[in-house]
């Protein structure tokens, strides 16, 4: 039987190209993994301890390394993990199954290209048009009572970031982050009739 594999991806801050590598669960668990970009300008570092995993992720958006900690089980078994840049709200690293990672990476590359085109501008959001449409869709979902939390609460707070919108349950503090940077982000939201904070939107 073939050993389960994990696909890891990020965008190199030096050459701006996608870096995608594949490792077996054993390779990730056996020793620290340094996963460099072919250009030599950056490397993703993954270190697994007994009860947690530490990642050092190069970021193409803020230019800094992000230090992330998650559970070993999550790193090795979740279908798709997305880690975000705190400065921009954009995803900077994906880990998961090959299919899930490549689907997410297409969005990341589209957002990175848009950011590069507008790097000299003074836009409030990464993609003004998409953000406006996303906020409009959220308003429509809210008006039909389609936003709630897994805990049962209906009250929530909305925080708008540079490239995403975050919903936070007023009762339990659970969060739902909705990407709002690409056309695909908007299409995904338009396909949802309800949104569940702390869970996934329903069709």
N, C-alpha and C. Protein backbone atom coordinates (compact mmCIF):
# COMPACT_ATOMS: atom_id res chain seq x y z
N UNK A 1 0.85 -1.20 0.00
CA UNK A 1 0.00 0.00 0.00
C UNK A 1 0.88 1.25 0.00
N UNK A 2 0.53 2.18 -0.86
CA UNK A 2 1.31 3.42 -0.95
C UNK A 2 1.12 4.27 0.30
N UNK A 3 2.23 4.81 0.80
CA UNK A 3 2.16 5.63 2.01
C UNK A 3 1.48 6.96 1.71
N UNK A 4 0.60 7.41 2.61
CA UNK A 4 -0.07 8.70 2.40
C UNK A 4 0.94 9.84 2.21
N UNK A 5 0.60 10.75 1.29
CA UNK A 5 1.49 11.87 1.00
C UNK A 5 0.80 13.19 1.27
N UNK A 6 1.61 14.21 1.50
CA UNK A 6 1.11 15.57 1.71
C UNK A 6 1.75 16.48 0.69
N UNK A 7 0.96 17.40 0.16
CA UNK A 7 1.45 18.40 -0.78
C UNK A 7 1.55 19.73 -0.05
N UNK A 8 2.69 20.40 -0.21
CA UNK A 8 2.93 21.69 0.45
C UNK A 8 3.23 22.74 -0.62
N UNK A 9 2.69 23.94 -0.47
CA UNK A 9 2.88 24.96 -1.50
C UNK A 9 2.95 26.36 -0.89
N UNK A 10 3.78 27.18 -1.49
CA UNK A 10 3.86 28.60 -1.13
C UNK A 10 4.41 29.36 -2.33
N UNK A 11 4.38 30.70 -2.28
CA UNK A 11 4.95 31.52 -3.34
C UNK A 11 6.24 32.14 -2.83
N UNK A 12 7.30 31.93 -3.57
CA UNK A 12 8.61 32.45 -3.16
C UNK A 12 8.62 33.98 -3.19
N UNK A 13 9.02 34.63 -2.09
CA UNK A 13 9.04 36.09 -2.08
C UNK A 13 10.11 36.70 -2.98
N UNK A 14 11.11 35.90 -3.39
CA UNK A 14 12.18 36.45 -4.23
C UNK A 14 11.82 36.37 -5.71
N UNK A 15 11.48 35.18 -6.20
CA UNK A 15 11.21 35.03 -7.64
C UNK A 15 9.72 35.08 -7.98
N UNK A 16 8.86 35.09 -6.94
CA UNK A 16 7.40 35.18 -7.10
C UNK A 16 6.79 33.97 -7.81
N UNK A 17 7.50 32.85 -7.84
CA UNK A 17 6.98 31.64 -8.46
C UNK A 17 6.42 30.71 -7.39
N UNK A 18 5.46 29.87 -7.79
CA UNK A 18 4.89 28.90 -6.87
C UNK A 18 5.89 27.78 -6.61
N UNK A 19 5.99 27.40 -5.35
CA UNK A 19 6.85 26.28 -4.96
C UNK A 19 5.95 25.18 -4.43
N UNK A 20 5.95 24.03 -5.09
CA UNK A 20 5.09 22.92 -4.70
C UNK A 20 5.95 21.67 -4.50
N UNK A 21 5.86 21.06 -3.33
CA UNK A 21 6.63 19.86 -3.04
C UNK A 21 5.70 18.80 -2.44
N UNK A 22 6.13 17.56 -2.55
CA UNK A 22 5.35 16.44 -2.01
C UNK A 22 6.24 15.65 -1.05
N UNK A 23 5.68 15.32 0.10
CA UNK A 23 6.40 14.54 1.10
C UNK A 23 5.45 13.49 1.68
N UNK A 24 6.00 12.33 2.01
CA UNK A 24 5.18 11.32 2.69
C UNK A 24 5.02 11.74 4.14
N UNK A 25 4.04 11.19 4.81
CA UNK A 25 3.85 11.49 6.22
C UNK A 25 5.08 11.08 7.02
N UNK A 26 5.70 9.97 6.63
CA UNK A 26 6.90 9.51 7.33
C UNK A 26 8.05 10.52 7.17
N UNK A 27 8.23 11.03 5.96
CA UNK A 27 9.31 12.00 5.74
C UNK A 27 9.11 13.25 6.58
N UNK A 28 7.87 13.69 6.72
CA UNK A 28 7.60 14.89 7.52
C UNK A 28 7.83 14.64 9.00
N UNK A 29 7.50 13.42 9.45
CA UNK A 29 7.59 13.10 10.87
C UNK A 29 9.00 12.70 11.30
N UNK A 30 9.80 12.16 10.37
CA UNK A 30 11.09 11.59 10.73
C UNK A 30 12.14 12.64 11.09
N UNK A 31 12.10 13.80 10.42
CA UNK A 31 13.12 14.82 10.66
C UNK A 31 12.61 16.16 10.16
N UNK A 32 13.32 17.22 10.53
CA UNK A 32 12.96 18.55 10.05
C UNK A 32 13.08 18.58 8.53
N UNK A 33 12.11 19.22 7.88
CA UNK A 33 12.09 19.31 6.42
C UNK A 33 12.30 20.75 5.98
N UNK A 34 13.35 20.99 5.22
CA UNK A 34 13.60 22.30 4.62
C UNK A 34 13.28 22.18 3.15
N UNK A 35 12.28 22.92 2.70
CA UNK A 35 11.76 22.78 1.34
C UNK A 35 12.05 24.07 0.56
N UNK A 36 13.20 24.13 -0.12
CA UNK A 36 13.62 25.38 -0.76
C UNK A 36 13.00 25.61 -2.13
N UNK A 37 12.93 26.88 -2.51
CA UNK A 37 12.57 27.25 -3.87
C UNK A 37 13.78 26.96 -4.75
N UNK A 38 13.57 26.52 -5.99
CA UNK A 38 14.70 26.27 -6.89
C UNK A 38 15.60 27.47 -7.11
N UNK A 39 15.06 28.68 -6.93
CA UNK A 39 15.88 29.88 -7.12
C UNK A 39 16.85 30.11 -5.97
N UNK A 40 16.63 29.41 -4.87
CA UNK A 40 17.50 29.56 -3.71
C UNK A 40 17.18 30.75 -2.83
N UNK A 41 16.12 31.46 -3.16
CA UNK A 41 15.81 32.68 -2.42
C UNK A 41 14.96 32.51 -1.18
N UNK A 42 14.38 31.31 -0.98
CA UNK A 42 13.54 31.09 0.19
C UNK A 42 13.38 29.59 0.42
N UNK A 43 12.86 29.26 1.61
CA UNK A 43 12.61 27.85 1.92
C UNK A 43 11.54 27.75 3.00
N UNK A 44 10.66 26.78 2.84
CA UNK A 44 9.64 26.47 3.84
C UNK A 44 10.23 25.45 4.79
N UNK A 45 10.13 25.71 6.09
CA UNK A 45 10.68 24.80 7.10
C UNK A 45 9.56 24.17 7.90
N UNK A 46 9.56 22.85 8.00
CA UNK A 46 8.55 22.11 8.75
C UNK A 46 9.23 21.22 9.77
N UNK A 47 8.89 21.40 11.05
CA UNK A 47 9.48 20.61 12.12
C UNK A 47 8.36 20.03 12.99
N UNK A 48 8.34 18.71 13.13
CA UNK A 48 7.32 18.04 13.93
C UNK A 48 7.88 17.61 15.28
N UNK A 49 7.17 17.99 16.33
CA UNK A 49 7.50 17.54 17.68
C UNK A 49 6.46 16.50 18.09
N UNK A 50 6.49 16.08 19.35
CA UNK A 50 5.58 15.02 19.80
C UNK A 50 4.12 15.41 19.68
N UNK A 51 3.79 16.65 20.03
CA UNK A 51 2.38 17.06 20.06
C UNK A 51 2.05 18.26 19.18
N UNK A 52 3.03 18.79 18.47
CA UNK A 52 2.74 19.94 17.61
C UNK A 52 3.73 20.01 16.45
N UNK A 53 3.36 20.81 15.47
CA UNK A 53 4.22 21.06 14.31
C UNK A 53 4.51 22.55 14.22
N UNK A 54 5.77 22.88 13.97
CA UNK A 54 6.19 24.27 13.79
C UNK A 54 6.57 24.49 12.33
N UNK A 55 6.04 25.56 11.76
CA UNK A 55 6.34 25.90 10.37
C UNK A 55 6.91 27.31 10.28
N UNK A 56 7.90 27.48 9.44
CA UNK A 56 8.42 28.80 9.10
C UNK A 56 8.12 29.01 7.63
N UNK A 57 7.21 29.95 7.35
CA UNK A 57 6.68 30.12 5.99
C UNK A 57 7.14 31.45 5.40
N UNK A 58 7.88 31.43 4.29
CA UNK A 58 8.23 32.67 3.60
C UNK A 58 6.97 33.31 3.04
N UNK A 59 6.88 34.62 3.11
CA UNK A 59 5.67 35.30 2.64
C UNK A 59 5.99 36.26 1.50
N UNK A 60 5.32 36.06 0.38
CA UNK A 60 5.55 36.90 -0.80
C UNK A 60 4.88 38.26 -0.68
N UNK A 61 4.03 38.45 0.34
CA UNK A 61 3.26 39.68 0.46
C UNK A 61 3.91 40.70 1.39
N UNK A 62 4.30 40.26 2.58
CA UNK A 62 4.92 41.21 3.52
C UNK A 62 6.44 41.07 3.53
N UNK A 63 6.97 40.01 2.90
CA UNK A 63 8.41 39.83 2.81
C UNK A 63 9.03 39.21 4.05
N UNK A 64 8.22 38.87 5.04
CA UNK A 64 8.74 38.29 6.27
C UNK A 64 8.41 36.81 6.37
N UNK A 65 9.09 36.12 7.27
CA UNK A 65 8.74 34.73 7.55
C UNK A 65 7.65 34.68 8.61
N UNK A 66 6.66 33.83 8.41
CA UNK A 66 5.61 33.63 9.41
C UNK A 66 5.89 32.34 10.17
N UNK A 67 5.81 32.42 11.49
CA UNK A 67 6.04 31.26 12.34
C UNK A 67 4.69 30.75 12.83
N UNK A 68 4.38 29.53 12.44
CA UNK A 68 3.04 28.97 12.66
C UNK A 68 3.15 27.67 13.43
N UNK A 69 2.21 27.44 14.34
CA UNK A 69 2.17 26.19 15.10
C UNK A 69 0.78 25.57 14.98
N UNK A 70 0.73 24.28 14.72
CA UNK A 70 -0.53 23.55 14.66
C UNK A 70 -0.30 22.14 15.18
N UNK A 71 -1.37 21.36 15.32
CA UNK A 71 -1.21 19.99 15.82
C UNK A 71 -0.63 19.09 14.73
N UNK A 72 0.08 18.06 15.15
CA UNK A 72 0.65 17.11 14.21
C UNK A 72 -0.46 16.41 13.41
N UNK A 73 -1.53 16.05 14.09
CA UNK A 73 -2.63 15.36 13.42
C UNK A 73 -3.23 16.23 12.32
N UNK A 74 -3.41 17.51 12.61
CA UNK A 74 -3.95 18.44 11.62
C UNK A 74 -3.03 18.53 10.41
N UNK A 75 -1.74 18.66 10.65
CA UNK A 75 -0.78 18.80 9.55
C UNK A 75 -0.76 17.57 8.66
N UNK A 76 -0.87 16.41 9.26
CA UNK A 76 -0.72 15.17 8.50
C UNK A 76 -2.01 14.61 7.91
N UNK A 77 -3.18 15.08 8.39
CA UNK A 77 -4.41 14.42 7.98
C UNK A 77 -5.50 15.33 7.41
N UNK A 78 -5.47 16.64 7.68
CA UNK A 78 -6.50 17.51 7.13
C UNK A 78 -6.42 17.55 5.60
N UNK A 79 -7.57 17.58 4.96
CA UNK A 79 -7.59 17.61 3.49
C UNK A 79 -6.92 18.86 2.96
N UNK A 80 -7.16 20.00 3.62
CA UNK A 80 -6.57 21.24 3.16
C UNK A 80 -6.37 22.20 4.33
N UNK A 81 -5.16 22.70 4.47
CA UNK A 81 -4.84 23.71 5.47
C UNK A 81 -4.38 24.97 4.75
N UNK A 82 -4.83 26.12 5.23
CA UNK A 82 -4.42 27.40 4.67
C UNK A 82 -3.87 28.27 5.78
N UNK A 83 -2.67 28.78 5.61
CA UNK A 83 -2.06 29.68 6.58
C UNK A 83 -1.94 31.06 5.95
N UNK A 84 -2.30 32.09 6.72
CA UNK A 84 -2.42 33.44 6.15
C UNK A 84 -1.38 34.41 6.67
N UNK A 85 -1.08 35.40 5.83
CA UNK A 85 -0.23 36.52 6.22
C UNK A 85 -1.05 37.45 7.11
N UNK A 86 -0.54 37.76 8.29
CA UNK A 86 -1.27 38.61 9.22
C UNK A 86 -1.40 40.04 8.70
N UNK A 87 -0.44 40.48 7.92
CA UNK A 87 -0.45 41.86 7.45
C UNK A 87 -1.48 42.11 6.35
N UNK A 88 -1.68 41.12 5.47
CA UNK A 88 -2.57 41.32 4.32
C UNK A 88 -3.83 40.47 4.38
N UNK A 89 -3.82 39.39 5.17
CA UNK A 89 -4.95 38.49 5.22
C UNK A 89 -4.95 37.47 4.09
N UNK A 90 -3.96 37.56 3.19
CA UNK A 90 -3.86 36.62 2.08
C UNK A 90 -3.23 35.31 2.52
N UNK A 91 -3.68 34.21 1.94
CA UNK A 91 -3.06 32.92 2.23
C UNK A 91 -1.63 32.91 1.70
N UNK A 92 -0.72 32.38 2.50
CA UNK A 92 0.68 32.34 2.07
C UNK A 92 1.22 30.92 1.98
N UNK A 93 0.44 29.93 2.44
CA UNK A 93 0.91 28.55 2.41
C UNK A 93 -0.27 27.60 2.46
N UNK A 94 -0.17 26.52 1.68
CA UNK A 94 -1.20 25.48 1.70
C UNK A 94 -0.56 24.12 1.94
N UNK A 95 -1.24 23.30 2.73
CA UNK A 95 -0.78 21.93 2.97
C UNK A 95 -2.01 21.02 2.93
N UNK A 96 -1.90 19.89 2.24
CA UNK A 96 -3.04 18.98 2.19
C UNK A 96 -2.90 17.96 1.09
N UNK A 97 -4.04 17.52 0.58
CA UNK A 97 -4.02 16.59 -0.54
C UNK A 97 -3.62 17.34 -1.80
N UNK A 98 -3.10 16.61 -2.76
CA UNK A 98 -2.62 17.24 -3.99
C UNK A 98 -3.72 18.04 -4.67
N UNK A 99 -4.90 17.46 -4.80
CA UNK A 99 -5.99 18.13 -5.50
C UNK A 99 -6.41 19.41 -4.78
N UNK A 100 -6.58 19.33 -3.47
CA UNK A 100 -7.02 20.50 -2.70
C UNK A 100 -6.00 21.62 -2.75
N UNK A 101 -4.72 21.27 -2.65
CA UNK A 101 -3.67 22.29 -2.66
C UNK A 101 -3.57 22.98 -4.01
N UNK A 102 -3.64 22.22 -5.10
CA UNK A 102 -3.54 22.84 -6.42
C UNK A 102 -4.75 23.72 -6.72
N UNK A 103 -5.93 23.35 -6.24
CA UNK A 103 -7.10 24.20 -6.42
C UNK A 103 -6.92 25.51 -5.69
N UNK A 104 -6.43 25.44 -4.46
CA UNK A 104 -6.22 26.65 -3.66
C UNK A 104 -5.09 27.50 -4.24
N UNK A 105 -4.07 26.83 -4.77
CA UNK A 105 -2.92 27.55 -5.30
C UNK A 105 -3.29 28.43 -6.49
N UNK A 106 -4.25 28.00 -7.29
CA UNK A 106 -4.68 28.82 -8.43
C UNK A 106 -5.22 30.17 -7.95
N UNK A 107 -5.96 30.14 -6.84
CA UNK A 107 -6.47 31.39 -6.27
C UNK A 107 -5.31 32.26 -5.77
N UNK A 108 -4.37 31.61 -5.10
CA UNK A 108 -3.24 32.34 -4.54
C UNK A 108 -2.45 33.04 -5.64
N UNK A 109 -2.24 32.35 -6.75
CA UNK A 109 -1.48 32.93 -7.86
C UNK A 109 -2.24 34.10 -8.49
N UNK A 110 -3.55 33.99 -8.59
CA UNK A 110 -4.37 35.07 -9.14
C UNK A 110 -4.30 36.30 -8.24
N UNK A 111 -4.40 36.08 -6.92
CA UNK A 111 -4.32 37.20 -5.98
C UNK A 111 -2.94 37.84 -6.00
N UNK A 112 -1.90 37.01 -6.09
CA UNK A 112 -0.53 37.53 -6.12
C UNK A 112 -0.30 38.37 -7.36
N UNK A 113 -0.84 37.93 -8.50
CA UNK A 113 -0.69 38.68 -9.75
C UNK A 113 -1.40 40.02 -9.66
N UNK A 114 -2.60 40.02 -9.07
CA UNK A 114 -3.36 41.26 -8.92
C UNK A 114 -2.62 42.22 -8.00
N UNK A 115 -2.03 41.69 -6.95
CA UNK A 115 -1.30 42.52 -5.99
C UNK A 115 -0.07 43.14 -6.64
N UNK A 116 0.59 42.36 -7.49
CA UNK A 116 1.77 42.85 -8.19
C UNK A 116 1.41 43.99 -9.14
N UNK A 117 0.28 43.86 -9.83
CA UNK A 117 -0.16 44.89 -10.78
C UNK A 117 -0.48 46.19 -10.07
N UNK A 118 -1.01 46.10 -8.85
CA UNK A 118 -1.47 47.29 -8.14
C UNK A 118 -0.56 47.71 -6.99
N UNK A 119 0.69 47.24 -7.01
CA UNK A 119 1.55 47.50 -5.86
C UNK A 119 1.87 48.98 -5.67
N UNK A 120 1.74 49.77 -6.73
CA UNK A 120 2.02 51.20 -6.60
C UNK A 120 0.75 52.00 -6.33
N UNK A 121 -0.38 51.34 -6.30
CA UNK A 121 -1.65 52.04 -6.07
C UNK A 121 -1.92 52.25 -4.60
N UNK A 122 -3.03 52.90 -4.32
CA UNK A 122 -3.41 53.20 -2.94
C UNK A 122 -4.77 52.58 -2.62
N UNK A 123 -5.05 51.42 -3.18
CA UNK A 123 -6.35 50.81 -2.98
C UNK A 123 -6.55 50.37 -1.54
N UNK A 124 -7.80 50.51 -1.07
CA UNK A 124 -8.14 50.08 0.29
C UNK A 124 -8.15 48.56 0.38
N UNK A 125 -8.57 47.90 -0.71
CA UNK A 125 -8.64 46.45 -0.74
C UNK A 125 -7.81 45.91 -1.91
N UNK A 126 -7.44 44.64 -1.81
CA UNK A 126 -6.65 44.03 -2.87
C UNK A 126 -7.40 44.09 -4.19
N UNK A 127 -8.70 43.80 -4.15
CA UNK A 127 -9.53 43.88 -5.36
C UNK A 127 -10.83 44.57 -4.97
N UNK A 128 -10.90 45.86 -5.27
CA UNK A 128 -12.04 46.68 -4.85
C UNK A 128 -13.37 46.13 -5.37
N UNK A 129 -13.38 45.72 -6.64
CA UNK A 129 -14.63 45.25 -7.25
C UNK A 129 -15.14 43.98 -6.59
N UNK A 130 -14.22 43.04 -6.35
CA UNK A 130 -14.62 41.78 -5.72
C UNK A 130 -15.10 42.03 -4.29
N UNK A 131 -14.38 42.86 -3.55
CA UNK A 131 -14.78 43.13 -2.17
C UNK A 131 -16.17 43.75 -2.11
N UNK A 132 -16.45 44.68 -3.01
CA UNK A 132 -17.78 45.32 -3.04
C UNK A 132 -18.87 44.28 -3.29
N UNK A 133 -18.64 43.38 -4.23
CA UNK A 133 -19.62 42.35 -4.54
C UNK A 133 -19.78 41.36 -3.39
N UNK A 134 -18.66 40.99 -2.75
CA UNK A 134 -18.70 40.06 -1.61
C UNK A 134 -19.52 40.66 -0.47
N UNK A 135 -19.31 41.93 -0.17
CA UNK A 135 -20.07 42.57 0.90
C UNK A 135 -21.55 42.65 0.54
N UNK A 136 -21.84 42.83 -0.74
CA UNK A 136 -23.24 42.84 -1.18
C UNK A 136 -23.89 41.48 -1.01
N UNK A 137 -23.16 40.42 -1.35
CA UNK A 137 -23.68 39.06 -1.18
C UNK A 137 -23.90 38.74 0.29
N UNK A 138 -22.97 39.16 1.14
CA UNK A 138 -23.13 38.94 2.58
C UNK A 138 -24.38 39.63 3.11
N UNK A 139 -24.63 40.84 2.61
CA UNK A 139 -25.82 41.57 3.03
C UNK A 139 -27.09 40.81 2.64
N UNK A 140 -27.09 40.25 1.42
CA UNK A 140 -28.24 39.49 0.96
C UNK A 140 -28.46 38.25 1.82
N UNK A 141 -27.38 37.54 2.13
CA UNK A 141 -27.49 36.33 2.96
C UNK A 141 -28.01 36.69 4.35
N UNK A 142 -27.50 37.80 4.89
CA UNK A 142 -27.92 38.23 6.22
C UNK A 142 -29.40 38.61 6.24
N UNK A 143 -29.87 39.28 5.19
CA UNK A 143 -31.27 39.73 5.14
C UNK A 143 -32.25 38.57 5.12
N UNK A 144 -31.82 37.43 4.61
CA UNK A 144 -32.71 36.26 4.63
C UNK A 144 -32.44 35.36 5.84
N UNK A 145 -31.69 35.89 6.80
CA UNK A 145 -31.43 35.14 8.04
C UNK A 145 -30.53 33.95 7.86
N UNK A 146 -29.62 34.03 6.88
CA UNK A 146 -28.80 32.88 6.54
C UNK A 146 -27.47 32.78 7.23
N UNK A 147 -27.18 33.67 8.19
CA UNK A 147 -25.90 33.63 8.89
C UNK A 147 -26.12 33.26 10.35
N UNK A 148 -25.49 32.21 10.80
CA UNK A 148 -25.60 31.76 12.19
C UNK A 148 -24.32 31.06 12.60
N UNK A 149 -24.21 30.74 13.88
CA UNK A 149 -23.03 30.06 14.40
C UNK A 149 -23.37 28.62 14.75
N UNK A 150 -22.37 27.77 14.79
CA UNK A 150 -22.57 26.38 15.18
C UNK A 150 -23.14 26.26 16.59
N UNK A 151 -22.88 27.28 17.43
CA UNK A 151 -23.37 27.25 18.81
C UNK A 151 -24.86 27.60 18.88
N UNK A 152 -25.43 28.04 17.75
CA UNK A 152 -26.85 28.38 17.71
C UNK A 152 -27.14 29.87 17.71
N UNK A 153 -26.13 30.68 18.00
CA UNK A 153 -26.32 32.12 18.07
C UNK A 153 -26.50 32.73 16.67
N UNK A 154 -27.23 33.83 16.63
CA UNK A 154 -27.48 34.53 15.37
C UNK A 154 -26.77 35.88 15.29
N UNK A 155 -26.21 36.32 16.42
CA UNK A 155 -25.54 37.61 16.45
C UNK A 155 -24.06 37.43 16.12
N UNK A 156 -23.53 38.35 15.35
CA UNK A 156 -22.13 38.24 14.94
C UNK A 156 -21.58 39.63 14.60
N UNK A 157 -20.27 39.70 14.54
CA UNK A 157 -19.59 40.94 14.16
C UNK A 157 -18.89 40.72 12.82
N UNK A 158 -18.78 41.76 12.04
CA UNK A 158 -18.12 41.68 10.73
C UNK A 158 -16.88 42.58 10.74
N UNK A 159 -15.75 42.01 10.32
CA UNK A 159 -14.52 42.79 10.20
C UNK A 159 -14.00 42.63 8.78
N UNK A 160 -13.80 43.75 8.09
CA UNK A 160 -13.35 43.73 6.71
C UNK A 160 -11.83 43.94 6.67
N UNK A 161 -11.13 42.99 6.06
CA UNK A 161 -9.68 43.06 5.91
C UNK A 161 -9.31 43.44 4.48
N UNK A 162 -8.04 43.49 4.20
CA UNK A 162 -7.53 43.89 2.88
C UNK A 162 -8.00 42.94 1.77
N UNK A 163 -8.06 41.65 2.09
CA UNK A 163 -8.43 40.68 1.04
C UNK A 163 -9.42 39.63 1.53
N UNK A 164 -10.09 39.90 2.65
CA UNK A 164 -11.04 38.92 3.19
C UNK A 164 -12.02 39.62 4.13
N UNK A 165 -13.08 38.89 4.48
CA UNK A 165 -14.06 39.38 5.45
C UNK A 165 -14.16 38.33 6.55
N UNK A 166 -14.13 38.77 7.79
CA UNK A 166 -14.17 37.85 8.93
C UNK A 166 -15.45 38.05 9.73
N UNK A 167 -16.17 36.95 9.94
CA UNK A 167 -17.38 36.97 10.76
C UNK A 167 -17.03 36.33 12.11
N UNK A 168 -17.39 36.99 13.21
CA UNK A 168 -17.10 36.49 14.54
C UNK A 168 -18.38 36.39 15.35
N UNK A 169 -18.66 35.22 15.90
CA UNK A 169 -19.85 35.02 16.71
C UNK A 169 -19.77 35.88 17.96
N UNK A 170 -20.82 36.65 18.24
CA UNK A 170 -20.84 37.53 19.41
C UNK A 170 -20.98 36.74 20.71
N UNK A 171 -21.40 35.48 20.61
CA UNK A 171 -21.63 34.70 21.83
C UNK A 171 -20.43 33.83 22.21
N UNK A 172 -19.90 33.05 21.25
CA UNK A 172 -18.82 32.11 21.60
C UNK A 172 -17.46 32.52 21.04
N UNK A 173 -17.42 33.50 20.14
CA UNK A 173 -16.15 33.96 19.60
C UNK A 173 -15.63 33.18 18.40
N UNK A 174 -16.40 32.19 17.93
CA UNK A 174 -15.98 31.43 16.75
C UNK A 174 -15.87 32.35 15.54
N UNK A 175 -15.01 32.00 14.59
CA UNK A 175 -14.77 32.87 13.45
C UNK A 175 -14.96 32.13 12.13
N UNK A 176 -15.30 32.88 11.10
CA UNK A 176 -15.37 32.37 9.74
C UNK A 176 -14.73 33.40 8.84
N UNK A 177 -13.65 33.00 8.15
CA UNK A 177 -12.96 33.93 7.25
C UNK A 177 -13.36 33.62 5.82
N UNK A 178 -13.82 34.65 5.12
CA UNK A 178 -14.24 34.52 3.73
C UNK A 178 -13.27 35.26 2.82
N UNK A 179 -12.54 34.57 1.97
CA UNK A 179 -11.64 35.25 1.03
C UNK A 179 -12.42 36.19 0.13
N UNK A 180 -11.83 37.34 -0.19
CA UNK A 180 -12.51 38.31 -1.04
C UNK A 180 -11.50 39.02 -1.92
N UNK A 181 -10.76 38.21 -2.68
CA UNK A 181 -9.69 38.78 -3.50
C UNK A 181 -9.80 38.44 -4.98
N UNK A 182 -10.50 37.35 -5.30
CA UNK A 182 -10.55 36.90 -6.69
C UNK A 182 -11.99 36.64 -7.14
N UNK A 183 -12.15 36.51 -8.45
CA UNK A 183 -13.47 36.20 -8.98
C UNK A 183 -13.99 34.87 -8.48
N UNK A 184 -13.08 33.93 -8.27
CA UNK A 184 -13.49 32.62 -7.76
C UNK A 184 -14.00 32.72 -6.33
N UNK A 185 -13.40 33.61 -5.53
CA UNK A 185 -13.89 33.84 -4.17
C UNK A 185 -15.35 34.29 -4.20
N UNK A 186 -15.63 35.21 -5.12
CA UNK A 186 -17.00 35.73 -5.24
C UNK A 186 -17.96 34.64 -5.71
N UNK A 187 -17.54 33.84 -6.69
CA UNK A 187 -18.39 32.77 -7.20
C UNK A 187 -18.73 31.77 -6.09
N UNK A 188 -17.74 31.44 -5.27
CA UNK A 188 -17.98 30.49 -4.17
C UNK A 188 -19.03 31.02 -3.21
N UNK A 189 -18.94 32.31 -2.88
CA UNK A 189 -19.89 32.90 -1.95
C UNK A 189 -21.29 32.96 -2.57
N UNK A 190 -21.37 33.25 -3.84
CA UNK A 190 -22.67 33.33 -4.51
C UNK A 190 -23.39 31.98 -4.53
N UNK A 191 -22.61 30.89 -4.41
CA UNK A 191 -23.21 29.55 -4.42
C UNK A 191 -23.73 29.14 -3.05
N UNK A 192 -23.48 29.95 -2.04
CA UNK A 192 -23.91 29.60 -0.68
C UNK A 192 -25.23 30.27 -0.32
N UNK A 193 -26.16 29.48 0.18
CA UNK A 193 -27.44 30.03 0.60
C UNK A 193 -27.37 30.47 2.06
N UNK A 194 -26.58 29.74 2.87
CA UNK A 194 -26.37 30.10 4.26
C UNK A 194 -24.88 30.05 4.59
N UNK A 195 -24.52 30.69 5.69
CA UNK A 195 -23.15 30.64 6.20
C UNK A 195 -23.18 30.24 7.66
N UNK A 196 -22.31 29.31 8.01
CA UNK A 196 -22.22 28.87 9.40
C UNK A 196 -20.87 29.25 9.98
N UNK A 197 -20.86 30.12 10.96
CA UNK A 197 -19.63 30.53 11.60
C UNK A 197 -19.07 29.36 12.40
N UNK A 198 -17.82 29.09 12.23
CA UNK A 198 -17.21 27.95 12.90
C UNK A 198 -17.35 26.68 12.11
N UNK A 199 -18.01 26.78 10.94
CA UNK A 199 -18.20 25.62 10.08
C UNK A 199 -18.07 26.02 8.64
N UNK A 200 -18.86 25.41 7.76
CA UNK A 200 -18.81 25.70 6.34
C UNK A 200 -20.17 26.18 5.86
N UNK A 201 -20.13 27.03 4.86
CA UNK A 201 -21.38 27.50 4.25
C UNK A 201 -22.10 26.35 3.58
N UNK A 202 -23.41 26.44 3.49
CA UNK A 202 -24.20 25.40 2.86
C UNK A 202 -24.75 25.89 1.55
N UNK A 203 -24.85 24.97 0.62
CA UNK A 203 -25.39 25.32 -0.70
C UNK A 203 -26.90 25.51 -0.60
